[in-house]
Amino acid sequence: MKIKELKRENVPTVIVDNTLNRYRNHPAFQSKVDKANEMLRTVGLPKLKK
């Protein structure tokens, strides 16, 4: 669809800035991700009751 067609249908238009691509493979909070993975490895996920 083109932008003019989207405006007629009242759909919000979002344009993503291409300069954000440099963050695509760069983890923002690597230390927190490592800590969470360590916790999951040692403790595991909680058991769910059905």
Protein backbone atom coordinates (compact mmCIF):
# COMPACT_ATOMS: atom_id res chain seq x y z
CA MET A 1 0.00 0.00 0.00
CA LYS A 2 1.07 3.53 -0.61
CA ILE A 3 1.04 6.27 2.02
CA LYS A 4 -1.93 8.03 0.40
CA GLU A 5 -3.95 4.80 0.55
CA LEU A 6 -3.06 4.32 4.23
CA LYS A 7 -4.12 7.87 5.11
CA ARG A 8 -7.54 7.23 3.62
CA GLU A 9 -7.97 4.18 5.83
CA ASN A 10 -6.95 6.02 9.04
CA VAL A 11 -3.93 3.80 9.67
CA PRO A 12 -1.00 5.44 11.48
CA THR A 13 2.11 5.74 9.34
CA VAL A 14 5.42 4.86 10.99
CA ILE A 15 8.70 5.57 9.25
CA VAL A 16 11.74 3.93 10.84
CA ASP A 17 15.00 5.85 10.68
CA ASN A 18 17.64 3.75 8.89
CA THR A 19 20.42 5.00 11.20
CA LEU A 20 19.01 2.65 13.86
CA ASN A 21 20.33 -0.35 11.89
CA ARG A 22 23.72 0.04 13.58
CA TYR A 23 22.10 -1.14 16.84
CA ARG A 24 20.54 -4.24 15.27
CA ASN A 25 23.24 -6.71 16.41
CA HIS A 26 24.41 -4.75 19.45
CA PRO A 27 22.83 -5.96 22.71
CA ALA A 28 21.93 -2.94 24.85
CA PHE A 29 22.05 -4.64 28.27
CA GLN A 30 24.38 -7.60 27.79
CA SER A 31 25.23 -7.91 31.50
CA LYS A 32 21.55 -8.21 32.42
CA VAL A 33 20.95 -10.76 29.68
CA ASP A 34 23.89 -12.82 30.92
CA LYS A 35 22.61 -12.65 34.51
CA ALA A 36 19.10 -13.72 33.47
CA ASN A 37 20.46 -16.63 31.43
CA GLU A 38 22.58 -17.77 34.39
CA MET A 39 19.52 -17.66 36.69
CA LEU A 40 17.48 -19.69 34.21
CA ARG A 41 20.29 -22.22 33.90
CA THR A 42 20.59 -22.73 37.66
CA VAL A 43 17.00 -22.32 38.85
CA GLY A 44 14.94 -22.98 35.73
CA LEU A 45 11.47 -21.84 34.89
CA PRO A 46 8.67 -22.04 37.48
CA LYS A 47 6.25 -24.94 37.24
CA LEU A 48 2.83 -23.92 35.95
CA LYS A 49 -0.32 -25.34 37.52
CA LYS A 50 -3.09 -26.16 35.07
